[in-house]
Protein backbone atom coordinates (compact mmCIF):
# COMPACT_ATOMS: atom_id res chain seq x y z
CA MET A 1 28.77 152.79 -65.69
CA ARG A 2 28.80 156.00 -67.59
CA HIS A 3 26.49 158.98 -66.87
CA SER A 4 25.90 162.00 -69.15
CA SER A 5 26.51 165.03 -67.36
CA ILE A 6 24.42 168.26 -67.52
CA HIS A 7 25.13 170.85 -70.14
CA LEU A 8 27.28 173.71 -68.32
CA ALA A 9 27.35 176.84 -69.71
CA GLY A 10 30.38 177.66 -72.01
CA GLN A 11 31.15 173.89 -71.58
CA ARG A 12 30.49 171.03 -74.25
CA ARG A 13 28.24 168.12 -73.04
CA ARG A 14 30.82 165.26 -71.74
CA LEU A 15 30.77 162.00 -70.12
CA ALA A 16 31.14 161.85 -66.34
CA TRP A 17 31.31 159.28 -63.62
CA PRO A 18 29.47 159.59 -60.30
CA GLN A 19 31.68 160.24 -57.33
CA LEU A 20 32.00 157.47 -54.69
CA GLN A 21 30.94 159.70 -51.90
CA ILE A 22 29.32 163.10 -52.22
CA GLY A 23 29.48 165.09 -49.07
CA LEU A 24 28.73 163.57 -45.66
CA GLN A 25 25.43 161.58 -45.38
CA PHE A 26 23.76 161.13 -42.10
CA ALA A 27 20.29 160.49 -41.01
CA GLN A 28 20.62 163.57 -38.50
CA ALA A 29 23.54 165.45 -39.79
CA ASN A 30 22.99 168.12 -37.24
CA ILE A 31 23.84 165.71 -34.32
CA ILE A 32 27.55 165.54 -35.41
CA THR A 33 29.76 167.94 -37.48
CA PRO A 34 31.12 166.79 -40.73
CA GLY A 35 34.59 166.83 -39.39
CA VAL A 36 33.70 164.27 -36.73
CA LEU A 37 31.97 162.27 -39.19
CA ARG A 38 34.82 162.24 -41.63
CA LEU A 39 37.21 161.32 -38.86
CA SER A 40 34.86 158.64 -37.63
CA ALA A 41 34.62 157.08 -41.23
CA ILE A 42 38.64 156.76 -41.43
CA ILE A 43 38.74 155.26 -38.00
CA LEU A 44 36.11 152.72 -39.05
CA SER A 45 37.87 151.98 -42.10
CA ILE A 46 41.19 151.50 -39.94
CA LEU A 47 39.39 149.12 -37.47
CA GLY A 48 37.75 147.01 -40.31
CA MET A 49 41.08 146.60 -42.29
CA ALA A 50 42.67 145.64 -38.65
CA LEU A 51 39.91 143.17 -38.07
CA MET A 52 40.67 141.39 -41.38
CA LEU A 53 44.39 141.47 -41.08
CA ILE A 54 45.04 141.04 -37.27
CA SER A 55 41.68 139.19 -36.43
CA LEU A 56 40.33 138.85 -32.98
CA GLN A 57 42.69 136.13 -31.91
CA PRO A 58 46.06 136.98 -33.05
CA PHE A 59 49.05 134.72 -32.36
CA ALA A 60 47.09 131.55 -32.72
CA SER A 61 48.86 128.78 -34.26
CA ALA A 62 47.43 126.25 -36.74
CA SER A 63 48.59 123.02 -38.61
CA LEU A 64 47.49 122.38 -42.22
CA ILE A 65 46.55 118.79 -41.09
CA SER A 66 43.85 118.30 -38.58
CA ASP A 67 43.96 115.10 -36.57
CA THR A 68 40.16 114.87 -35.93
CA GLY A 69 38.78 117.06 -38.52
CA ALA A 70 36.88 118.91 -36.00
CA SER A 71 36.50 122.73 -36.63
CA GLU A 72 36.02 124.39 -33.27
CA GLY A 73 34.94 127.95 -33.06
CA ASN A 74 35.50 130.31 -30.23
CA VAL A 75 32.04 131.62 -29.24
CA ILE A 76 33.17 135.10 -27.79
CA ASN A 77 35.19 135.73 -31.14
CA GLN A 78 32.03 134.75 -33.21
CA VAL A 79 29.98 137.09 -31.32
CA GLU A 80 32.35 139.87 -31.66
CA PHE A 81 32.62 139.30 -35.20
CA LEU A 82 28.95 139.18 -35.68
CA ALA A 83 28.65 142.53 -33.78
CA ALA A 84 31.29 144.14 -36.00
CA GLY A 85 29.40 143.00 -38.89
CA VAL A 86 26.47 145.12 -37.53
CA VAL A 87 28.41 148.08 -36.74
CA PHE A 88 29.83 148.31 -40.16
CA ALA A 89 26.58 147.36 -42.09
CA ILE A 90 24.69 150.21 -40.06
CA SER A 91 27.54 152.51 -40.65
CA MET A 92 27.28 152.13 -44.37
CA MET A 93 23.55 152.72 -44.40
CA CYS A 94 24.35 155.95 -42.43
CA LEU A 95 27.36 157.23 -44.31
CA THR A 96 27.40 155.72 -47.86
CA ASN A 97 25.76 156.93 -50.88
CA ARG A 98 22.68 154.81 -51.75
CA LYS A 99 23.97 154.33 -55.18
CA VAL A 100 27.08 152.90 -54.18
CA LEU A 101 25.08 150.32 -52.12
CA THR A 102 22.79 149.49 -54.91
CA SER A 103 25.73 148.97 -57.29
CA LEU A 104 26.17 145.60 -55.81
CA LEU A 105 22.66 144.31 -57.41
CA THR A 106 24.74 142.90 -60.37
CA PRO A 107 23.98 139.48 -61.97
CA GLY A 108 27.25 138.00 -60.52
CA PHE A 109 26.59 139.16 -56.79
CA LEU A 110 22.77 138.15 -57.05
CA LEU A 111 23.69 134.71 -58.34
CA LEU A 112 26.46 134.42 -55.54
CA GLY A 113 23.51 134.98 -52.98
CA VAL A 114 21.54 132.33 -54.74
CA LEU A 115 24.22 130.03 -54.56
CA PHE A 116 24.67 130.67 -50.84
CA VAL A 117 20.90 129.84 -50.07
CA TYR A 118 21.30 126.73 -52.44
CA ALA A 119 24.40 125.76 -50.50
CA VAL A 120 22.46 125.87 -46.91
CA ALA A 121 19.40 124.06 -48.41
CA VAL A 122 21.20 121.15 -49.65
CA SER A 123 23.78 120.88 -46.97
CA PRO A 124 23.70 117.74 -44.85
CA SER A 125 24.35 120.06 -41.68
CA PRO A 126 22.31 123.20 -42.69
CA GLU A 127 22.98 124.83 -39.33
CA ASP A 128 26.71 124.57 -39.65
CA THR A 129 26.79 125.78 -43.27
CA LEU A 130 24.39 128.50 -42.35
CA ARG A 131 26.67 129.67 -39.69
CA THR A 132 29.80 129.60 -41.91
CA VAL A 133 27.75 131.31 -44.78
CA ILE A 134 26.84 134.21 -42.36
CA PHE A 135 30.21 134.65 -41.19
CA THR A 136 31.50 134.61 -44.72
CA ILE A 137 29.03 137.37 -45.58
CA ILE A 138 30.04 139.42 -42.72
CA GLY A 139 33.65 139.48 -43.85
CA MET A 140 32.55 140.60 -47.07
CA VAL A 141 30.46 143.28 -45.61
CA VAL A 142 33.54 144.56 -43.55
CA ALA A 143 35.63 144.27 -46.81
CA PHE A 144 33.38 146.44 -48.92
CA ALA A 145 32.85 148.96 -45.95
CA ILE A 146 36.49 149.52 -45.81
CA ILE A 147 36.45 151.09 -49.19
CA VAL A 148 33.29 153.05 -49.16
CA LEU A 149 33.38 154.53 -45.57
CA PRO A 150 36.35 156.91 -46.45
CA ARG A 151 35.34 160.27 -47.88
CA GLY A 152 37.52 159.84 -50.86
CA GLU A 153 40.81 158.35 -52.00
CA ARG A 154 42.90 160.59 -49.55
CA ASP A 155 40.94 159.41 -46.53
CA PHE A 156 41.24 155.85 -47.88
CA GLN A 157 45.19 156.26 -48.17
CA ILE A 158 45.10 157.38 -44.46
CA ALA A 159 43.23 154.28 -43.58
CA LEU A 160 45.61 152.18 -45.42
CA ILE A 161 48.50 153.48 -43.82
CA GLY A 162 46.91 153.26 -40.37
CA SER A 163 46.01 149.71 -40.94
CA ALA A 164 49.05 148.54 -42.52
CA ALA A 165 51.23 150.08 -39.79
CA ALA A 166 49.12 148.53 -37.04
CA THR A 167 49.35 144.95 -38.70
CA LEU A 168 53.19 145.47 -39.14
CA ALA A 169 53.62 146.58 -35.57
CA VAL A 170 51.77 143.54 -34.14
CA SER A 171 53.80 140.93 -36.25
CA TYR A 172 57.10 142.75 -35.67
CA GLY A 173 56.07 143.59 -32.08
CA GLY A 174 55.38 139.61 -31.80
CA LEU A 175 58.78 138.70 -33.15
CA LEU A 176 60.51 140.87 -30.42
CA LEU A 177 58.41 140.18 -27.45
CA VAL A 178 56.87 136.86 -28.01
CA PRO A 179 59.03 135.05 -30.69
CA HIS A 180 57.98 131.58 -29.72
CA LEU A 181 54.60 132.60 -30.96
CA ALA A 182 55.53 134.56 -33.91
CA THR A 183 57.72 131.97 -35.62
CA HIS A 184 56.85 128.30 -36.30
CA GLY A 185 57.90 125.85 -33.56
CA TYR A 186 58.18 122.11 -34.14
CA ASP A 187 55.33 120.35 -35.83
CA ALA A 188 55.45 116.63 -36.45
CA PHE A 189 53.71 116.96 -39.58
CA GLU A 190 55.60 120.12 -40.93
CA PRO A 191 59.00 120.07 -39.19
CA GLN A 192 60.60 121.67 -42.02
CA HIS A 193 58.87 125.11 -40.83
CA ALA A 194 60.56 125.40 -37.58
CA GLY A 195 61.97 128.79 -36.99
CA LEU A 196 60.29 130.58 -40.02
CA TRP A 197 58.44 133.60 -39.43
CA ARG A 198 54.60 133.91 -39.24
CA GLY A 199 53.94 136.87 -36.97
CA HIS A 200 50.50 136.95 -35.63
CA PHE A 201 49.15 134.74 -38.15
CA SER A 202 48.25 131.20 -37.63
CA HIS A 203 50.64 129.78 -40.37
CA LYS A 204 53.65 131.12 -42.63
CA ASN A 205 51.45 130.16 -45.69
CA ILE A 206 49.07 132.89 -44.64
CA ALA A 207 51.53 135.48 -43.18
CA GLY A 208 53.67 135.40 -46.51
CA PRO A 209 50.58 136.19 -48.86
CA VAL A 210 49.21 138.79 -46.59
CA MET A 211 52.54 140.54 -46.06
CA CYS A 212 52.76 140.62 -50.22
CA MET A 213 49.43 142.38 -50.18
CA ILE A 214 50.48 144.94 -47.46
CA ALA A 215 53.64 145.51 -49.54
CA ILE A 216 51.37 146.19 -52.53
CA PHE A 217 49.81 148.89 -50.35
CA GLY A 218 53.11 150.38 -50.03
CA ILE A 219 53.71 150.64 -53.79
CA TYR A 220 50.16 152.15 -54.10
CA LEU A 221 50.93 154.90 -51.38
CA MET A 222 54.42 155.67 -52.98
CA ARG A 223 52.77 156.18 -56.49
CA THR A 224 50.24 158.39 -54.94
CA GLY A 225 52.63 160.80 -52.93
CA HIS A 226 52.93 158.95 -49.58
CA ARG A 227 56.62 158.14 -50.30
CA PHE A 228 57.72 157.83 -46.82
CA TRP A 229 55.08 155.79 -45.45
CA GLY A 230 54.56 153.89 -48.74
CA LEU A 231 58.61 152.81 -48.72
CA ILE A 232 58.45 151.71 -45.11
CA ILE A 233 55.24 149.56 -45.45
CA PHE A 234 56.81 148.11 -48.79
CA ALA A 235 60.20 147.31 -47.11
CA ALA A 236 58.69 145.84 -43.91
CA GLY A 237 56.24 143.88 -45.98
CA THR A 238 58.76 142.62 -48.31
CA LEU A 239 61.35 141.50 -45.61
CA PHE A 240 58.83 139.47 -43.77
CA VAL A 241 57.72 137.62 -46.94
CA PHE A 242 61.08 136.50 -47.54
CA LYS A 243 61.55 135.44 -43.68
CA THR A 244 58.34 133.21 -44.16
CA GLY A 245 60.75 130.87 -46.44
CA SER A 246 57.91 130.57 -49.07
CA LYS A 247 59.61 130.14 -52.50
CA THR A 248 56.52 130.25 -54.48
CA THR A 249 55.05 133.46 -52.62
CA SER A 250 58.24 135.15 -53.00
CA GLY A 251 58.08 134.32 -56.83
CA PHE A 252 54.51 135.14 -57.36
CA PHE A 253 54.82 138.77 -55.53
CA PRO A 254 57.37 140.19 -58.05
CA LEU A 255 55.54 138.72 -60.93
CA SER A 256 52.26 140.26 -59.91
CA ILE A 257 53.79 143.61 -59.55
CA THR A 258 55.56 143.17 -63.01
CA ILE A 259 52.28 142.18 -64.78
CA VAL A 260 50.17 145.29 -63.50
CA LEU A 261 52.95 147.75 -64.13
CA MET A 262 52.82 146.59 -67.77
CA ALA A 263 49.84 148.72 -68.12
CA ALA A 264 51.86 151.85 -67.07
CA VAL A 265 54.61 150.98 -69.40
CA PHE A 266 52.58 150.41 -72.54
CA GLY A 267 49.93 152.86 -71.59
CA ARG A 268 47.13 150.34 -71.90
CA SER A 269 45.25 148.15 -69.56
CA GLY A 270 45.26 145.36 -72.10
CA ALA A 271 48.95 144.73 -71.86
CA ALA A 272 48.84 143.84 -68.01
CA ILE A 273 45.65 141.74 -68.77
CA VAL A 274 47.23 139.62 -71.66
CA THR A 275 50.28 139.23 -69.64
CA PHE A 276 48.22 138.16 -66.72
CA ILE A 277 46.53 135.46 -68.81
CA LEU A 278 49.80 134.32 -70.09
CA ALA A 279 50.93 133.94 -66.47
CA LEU A 280 48.07 131.99 -65.40
CA CYS A 281 48.58 129.52 -68.22
CA ALA A 282 52.28 129.15 -67.57
CA VAL A 283 51.62 128.51 -63.68
CA ALA A 284 48.82 126.31 -64.61
CA THR A 285 51.40 124.24 -66.78
CA VAL A 286 54.00 123.94 -64.22
CA THR A 287 51.34 122.94 -61.37
CA PHE A 288 48.97 120.61 -63.03
CA GLY A 289 51.48 119.76 -65.87
CA SER A 290 53.84 118.30 -63.25
CA LEU A 291 51.23 115.59 -62.63
CA TYR A 292 51.33 114.50 -66.22
CA SER A 293 54.57 115.30 -67.48
CA PRO A 294 57.87 113.86 -66.15
CA GLY A 295 60.10 116.71 -67.72
CA ILE A 296 58.11 119.49 -66.02
CA GLU A 297 58.14 117.34 -62.96
CA HIS A 298 61.92 117.21 -62.97
CA MET A 299 62.14 120.76 -63.90
CA ILE A 300 60.17 121.74 -60.74
CA GLY A 301 62.32 119.45 -58.62
CA ASP A 302 65.38 121.35 -60.06
CA LEU A 303 64.17 124.75 -59.55
CA LEU A 304 62.36 124.32 -56.04
CA GLY A 305 64.04 121.28 -54.78
CA ASP A 306 60.74 119.37 -54.27
CA GLU A 307 58.88 118.32 -57.50
CA THR A 308 55.56 117.77 -55.18
CA TYR A 309 55.16 121.32 -54.11
CA THR A 310 55.60 120.08 -50.63
CA GLY A 311 53.27 117.05 -51.16
CA ARG A 312 50.34 119.27 -52.69
CA THR A 313 50.39 116.90 -56.10
CA THR A 314 49.06 114.12 -53.91
CA LEU A 315 45.93 116.27 -52.91
CA TRP A 316 45.58 117.66 -56.65
CA GLU A 317 45.61 114.08 -58.00
CA PHE A 318 42.94 112.99 -55.41
CA SER A 319 40.99 116.09 -56.16
CA LEU A 320 41.00 115.48 -59.83
CA SER A 321 39.81 111.90 -59.33
CA LYS A 322 36.92 113.13 -57.08
CA ILE A 323 35.36 116.00 -59.20
CA PRO A 324 34.13 113.52 -61.66
CA GLU A 325 31.96 111.78 -59.05
CA LYS A 326 29.64 115.22 -58.84
CA PRO A 327 30.73 117.33 -61.76
CA TRP A 328 27.84 119.62 -61.96
CA MET A 329 27.12 121.03 -58.43
CA GLY A 330 29.85 119.32 -56.38
CA PHE A 331 29.68 117.79 -52.98
CA GLY A 332 28.37 120.99 -51.49
CA LEU A 333 29.90 124.19 -50.07
CA TYR A 334 32.19 123.18 -47.26
CA ASN A 335 31.24 119.62 -47.46
CA PHE A 336 34.38 117.79 -48.85
CA TRP A 337 37.48 118.10 -46.74
CA ARG A 338 37.11 117.24 -43.12
CA THR A 339 33.81 115.52 -43.60
CA ASP A 340 32.83 111.70 -44.05
CA ASN A 341 33.39 112.11 -47.98
CA VAL A 342 37.11 111.56 -47.13
CA PHE A 343 37.31 110.36 -43.60
CA GLY A 344 35.56 107.05 -44.71
CA LEU A 345 38.26 106.27 -47.16
CA ASP A 346 40.96 103.74 -46.74
CA THR A 347 44.27 104.84 -45.47
CA PRO A 348 46.50 106.03 -48.61
CA PHE A 349 49.79 104.28 -47.76
CA GLU A 350 51.24 104.85 -51.09
CA SER A 351 50.72 108.93 -50.86
CA ALA A 352 52.89 111.50 -49.52
CA TRP A 353 50.06 113.02 -47.12
CA ASP A 354 47.08 111.33 -45.56
CA TYR A 355 44.39 113.28 -47.31
CA ARG A 356 41.80 112.04 -45.05
CA PHE A 357 42.80 114.63 -42.40
CA ILE A 358 43.60 117.54 -44.59
CA VAL A 359 42.08 121.02 -43.98
CA HIS A 360 42.04 121.78 -47.94
CA GLY A 361 43.22 120.79 -51.02
CA HIS A 362 45.74 123.47 -51.54
CA ASN A 363 44.21 124.64 -54.83
CA ASN A 364 41.38 127.25 -54.86
CA TYR A 365 40.30 126.03 -58.42
CA LEU A 366 39.90 122.40 -57.73
CA ASP A 367 38.31 122.94 -54.22
CA ILE A 368 35.85 125.28 -56.03
CA LEU A 369 34.87 122.54 -58.38
CA LEU A 370 34.77 119.98 -55.52
CA ASN A 371 32.51 122.12 -53.46
CA LEU A 372 30.30 123.55 -56.05
CA GLY A 373 30.72 121.71 -59.39
CA ILE A 374 30.82 123.25 -62.95
CA ILE A 375 27.63 125.25 -62.35
CA GLY A 376 28.35 126.72 -58.98
CA GLY A 377 31.85 126.98 -59.67
CA SER A 378 31.08 129.04 -62.75
CA VAL A 379 29.32 131.70 -60.81
CA LEU A 380 32.31 132.04 -58.26
CA PHE A 381 34.88 131.81 -61.05
CA TRP A 382 33.11 134.97 -62.60
CA VAL A 383 32.73 136.75 -59.33
CA LEU A 384 36.19 136.26 -58.01
CA PHE A 385 38.58 135.94 -61.05
CA ILE A 386 37.03 136.91 -64.33
CA GLY A 387 34.59 139.81 -63.42
CA PRO A 388 37.47 141.79 -61.75
CA VAL A 389 39.57 141.62 -65.04
CA PHE A 390 36.80 143.40 -66.94
CA ASN A 391 36.20 145.89 -64.02
CA TYR A 392 39.91 146.63 -64.25
CA ALA A 393 39.68 147.58 -67.80
CA LYS A 394 36.81 149.97 -67.08
CA ALA A 395 38.54 151.48 -64.05
CA LYS A 396 41.50 152.42 -65.95
CA ARG A 397 39.39 154.54 -68.34
CA ILE A 398 38.05 156.60 -65.42
CA PRO A 399 40.33 159.66 -64.90
CA GLY A 400 42.05 159.50 -61.50
CA ASN A 401 40.94 155.86 -60.57
CA GLY A 402 43.98 154.17 -62.55
CA LYS A 403 46.54 153.92 -59.49
CA LEU A 404 43.97 152.62 -57.05
CA ALA A 405 42.73 150.15 -59.78
CA ASP A 406 46.19 148.91 -60.24
CA MET A 407 46.51 148.24 -56.60
CA PHE A 408 43.52 146.38 -56.47
CA PHE A 409 44.52 144.30 -59.68
CA MET A 410 47.81 143.54 -58.30
CA ILE A 411 46.15 141.73 -55.40
CA ILE A 412 43.82 139.88 -57.96
CA VAL A 413 46.70 139.03 -60.01
CA PHE A 414 48.65 137.82 -56.90
CA VAL A 415 45.67 135.65 -55.45
CA SER A 416 44.81 134.22 -58.80
CA LEU A 417 48.39 132.79 -59.24
CA LEU A 418 48.37 131.81 -55.53
CA SER A 419 45.11 129.92 -55.90
CA PHE A 420 47.10 127.14 -57.81
CA LEU A 421 48.77 126.23 -54.43
CA GLU A 422 46.42 127.38 -51.68
CA THR A 423 42.43 127.42 -50.94
CA PHE A 424 40.98 130.19 -49.42
CA PHE A 425 37.67 130.91 -51.34
CA LEU A 426 34.58 132.05 -49.12
CA ALA A 427 36.57 131.13 -45.86
CA ARG A 428 35.01 133.14 -43.29
CA ASN A 429 37.46 135.44 -41.72
CA ASP A 430 40.64 134.24 -43.14
CA PRO A 431 42.67 137.16 -44.20
CA LEU A 432 43.76 135.72 -47.61
CA TRP A 433 39.81 135.47 -48.34
CA LEU A 434 39.12 138.89 -47.09
CA MET A 435 41.96 140.39 -49.14
CA HIS A 436 40.68 138.73 -52.10
CA ALA A 437 37.12 140.08 -51.46
CA PHE A 438 38.66 143.53 -50.77
CA ALA A 439 40.35 143.51 -54.34
CA VAL A 440 36.91 142.18 -55.85
CA PHE A 441 34.85 144.99 -54.43
CA GLY A 442 37.59 147.80 -54.93
CA LEU A 443 37.74 146.87 -58.83
CA HIS A 444 33.73 146.91 -58.74
CA LEU A 445 33.76 150.28 -57.03
CA THR A 446 36.75 151.95 -59.26
CA ALA A 447 34.94 150.67 -62.40
CA ARG A 448 31.82 152.71 -61.65
CA PHE A 449 32.71 155.56 -59.49
CA SER A 450 35.09 158.40 -59.41
CA LEU A 451 36.91 158.49 -56.08
CA GLY A 452 36.76 162.26 -55.90
CA GLN A 453 38.48 164.27 -53.15
CA SER A 454 38.34 163.23 -49.40
CA SER A 455 38.78 166.64 -47.73
CA ALA A 456 36.73 169.00 -49.87
CA GLN A 457 32.97 169.39 -50.38
CA PRO A 458 32.05 169.08 -54.05
CA SER A 459 31.09 172.24 -55.87
CA ALA A 460 27.67 172.88 -56.80
CA PRO A 461 28.14 171.60 -60.63
CA GLN A 462 29.76 168.45 -59.19
CA ARG A 463 26.81 167.81 -56.74
CA HIS A 464 24.59 168.40 -59.81
CA LEU A 465 26.40 165.96 -62.05
CA ALA A 466 26.43 163.08 -59.26
CA ALA A 467 22.67 163.76 -58.47
CA SER A 468 21.80 163.55 -62.39
CA GLY A 469 23.97 160.53 -63.12
């Protein structure tokens, strides 16, 4: 969003963007000094990122297959997560520029809100769906707060360093102190994962992608002057990715970095966007194409040693067969997997996996259509995948926002590619979902605001510019 600046003496009228944070806003600023408020904002941002990446229950193992389909929540964790949401919501109301908060009133986010209301209204279990929606929204509030609470890009970088270092310390510390919890043990459903690293995460398929995103933090930090911390975070995150044993994650990681850096090489964001679209088409071809083309199937088998993507093709075929049953609005949000829609089916003896007890379909795109249909899915596709691409192009035109926008877009590129193999949309406090939301909000903000400086108060002309924007 562009705003015309005032006409300053001796200067030609030019276009300017409002700063994300102008000074320190507080209801009663005389109670706490600006320095304490600034430090508090950084600490809150670090704690928010730690809540997303470490969670309130680290080192809790999970299988990708549920024997009963039950989803039991820890009541204490739910209360704590709800309390955290309240703290971050109040903090944003006290410390964040009002224009930043009202910028969320876009058609996409408003339609997402309508979609939440509709999902609860039509759910066969409205109380459970409402609870899940509330916790999903709380996670989104925390993800948004992490970006808007710091006083500028410098403070945001400090928060990234602190939270990334804490996350890596917990995971690597777990490998040293409690290796039986930080690595996969024997699982009757997934014996091939024994000994692979997962750190404090519940599964290696979560640990690997999250560590990729932490490594992306390191790249951003190295590009913005924090070479020492950036290199450590990048190296530690990258090593962990390879130790999780995920071939596809290890492939998508450098591909995502290369795609976004195309913008720097050619000096145009369009180069990265076009390359991203081509990569999406290629991954769609080698995943969905393997269901219909024996040639592609054999090629995947030669490259990965498993043409079924660890049994995922069974789930994709099943999902594609069920989408036409309710094509427009789907089966309902959180109302397909682990419900009677699959429990009541006959045992699929001919399939590689018994999809009746799978926790999700291992494909974001298919699961979105299963849950929300074409109409609801279109809203979510716009908010989570398409809108961020347009925001990235806008953010690259704002002076000073380019490197931060690159970081957020790397995450979007990575989760978009990963979405062909995993499901994590609107998934409460799942770290993959929270990092996806974090990147969506990051590009939303960098497309509309200048990050400014974290440690210096704005000059009088700067304050006037933002006030008039």
